[in-house]
Each structure stands twice: as C-alpha cells, then as structure tokens.
C-alpha cells in the first residue's frame, strides 16, 4: 500500500508541474546558496537600512499613540463640559 501512495504522490506532482508548465530541469544548474553570500559591507548596509525602517515605524507608532491619547483627552474634556452644563 505504501508504494501505491508514493506513486499517487508522484503522479499528483507531475500533474501540477504540467498544469503550471514547470520544468525542474530548467533550474537544475542553479545553485540556491550562491546568491546568499554577503560580505561585511553588505551586512552593514542591510543593518543600517533595517535600523532606518525600524526608526520610521517606531516614530509612526508613537505618533498614533499620541494621537489616540489626544483624542481620548478631548473626549473626556467634552464629557466634563457636558456634565457641568447640565
């Protein structure tokens, strides 16, 4: 029974490859790890880029928090005014 399951799996993979016109032989000579090499300058550049993005995200989050606090404060002040005028 195990052999039949493997054949079914292989047939399914083959069918999917035909549907999407995927040819695994086309990518046979490509080495996935060759593009993953980075030297110190590449790493440093990426670290600076990441830090810049993180700083922008932190500033945006702080702005949102401050805006929410401002709205809450205005809501409470408005509520106090309504209560004091009754």
Protein backbone atom coordinates (compact mmCIF):
# COMPACT_ATOMS: atom_id res chain seq x y z
CA UNK A 1 0.00 0.00 0.00
CA UNK A 2 2.90 2.37 0.75
CA UNK A 3 4.22 2.04 -2.80
CA UNK A 4 0.81 2.99 -4.23
CA UNK A 5 0.70 6.14 -2.08
CA UNK A 6 4.13 7.16 -3.34
CA UNK A 7 3.02 6.61 -6.94
CA UNK A 8 -0.12 8.70 -6.33
CA UNK A 9 2.01 11.48 -4.86
CA UNK A 10 4.42 11.39 -7.78
CA UNK A 11 1.52 11.44 -10.22
CA UNK A 12 -0.02 14.45 -8.44
CA UNK A 13 3.29 16.31 -8.54
CA UNK A 14 3.67 15.50 -12.22
CA UNK A 15 0.14 16.74 -12.93
CA UNK A 16 0.75 20.02 -11.08
CA UNK A 17 4.01 20.56 -12.93
CA UNK A 18 2.22 20.08 -16.26
CA UNK A 19 -0.58 22.46 -15.23
CA UNK A 20 1.87 25.23 -14.41
CA UNK A 21 4.34 24.25 -17.14
CA UNK A 22 7.07 23.85 -14.55
CA UNK A 23 10.21 22.11 -15.72
CA UNK A 24 12.53 21.26 -12.80
CA UNK A 25 15.38 20.54 -15.22
CA UNK A 26 15.35 24.19 -16.18
CA UNK A 27 16.63 25.10 -12.71
CA UNK A 28 18.94 22.12 -12.28
CA UNK A 29 22.19 24.06 -12.69
CA UNK A 30 21.23 26.95 -10.43
CA UNK A 31 22.84 26.98 -7.04
CA UNK A 32 20.44 28.42 -4.47
CA UNK A 33 23.16 29.30 -1.98
CA UNK A 34 25.40 31.21 -4.38
CA UNK A 35 23.32 34.36 -4.06
CA UNK A 36 23.16 34.10 -0.30
CA UNK A 37 26.74 35.13 0.28
CA UNK A 38 27.20 38.52 1.89
CA UNK A 39 30.33 40.34 2.87
CA UNK A 40 30.70 42.65 5.85
CA UNK A 41 29.76 45.77 3.85
CA UNK A 42 26.56 44.11 2.61
CA UNK A 43 25.61 43.17 6.15
CA UNK A 44 26.41 46.64 7.47
CA UNK A 45 24.35 48.25 4.70
CA UNK A 46 21.40 45.97 5.47
CA UNK A 47 21.70 46.71 9.20
CA UNK A 48 21.60 50.47 8.52
CA UNK A 49 18.63 50.03 6.20
CA UNK A 50 16.79 47.93 8.78
CA UNK A 51 17.53 50.45 11.54
CA UNK A 52 16.20 53.29 9.38
CA UNK A 53 12.99 51.38 8.63
CA UNK A 54 12.57 50.44 12.31
CA UNK A 55 13.04 54.08 13.36
CA UNK A 56 10.35 55.22 10.92
CA UNK A 57 7.98 52.51 12.15
CA UNK A 58 8.64 53.46 15.78
CA UNK A 59 8.01 57.14 15.03
CA UNK A 60 4.76 56.30 13.25
CA UNK A 61 3.62 54.11 16.13
CA UNK A 62 4.45 56.86 18.64
CA UNK A 63 2.51 59.36 16.52
CA UNK A 64 -0.52 57.05 16.52
CA UNK A 65 -0.33 56.58 20.29
CA UNK A 66 -0.04 60.32 20.89
CA UNK A 67 -2.97 60.99 18.56
CA UNK A 68 -5.09 58.40 20.36
CA UNK A 69 -4.19 59.92 23.73
CA UNK A 70 -5.09 63.39 22.43
CA UNK A 71 -8.47 62.16 21.19
CA UNK A 72 -9.16 60.44 24.50
CA UNK A 73 -8.26 63.61 26.42
CA UNK A 74 -10.57 65.70 24.19
CA UNK A 75 -13.36 63.17 24.63
CA UNK A 76 -13.03 63.33 28.42
CA UNK A 77 -12.93 67.15 28.38
CA UNK A 78 -16.01 67.25 26.20
CA UNK A 79 -17.79 64.87 28.54
CA UNK A 80 -16.86 67.02 31.57
CA UNK A 81 -18.21 70.15 29.85
CA UNK A 82 -21.48 68.44 29.05
CA UNK A 83 -21.86 67.29 32.65
CA UNK A 84 -21.02 70.72 34.08
CA UNK A 85 -23.62 72.47 31.84
CA UNK A 86 -26.48 70.28 32.99
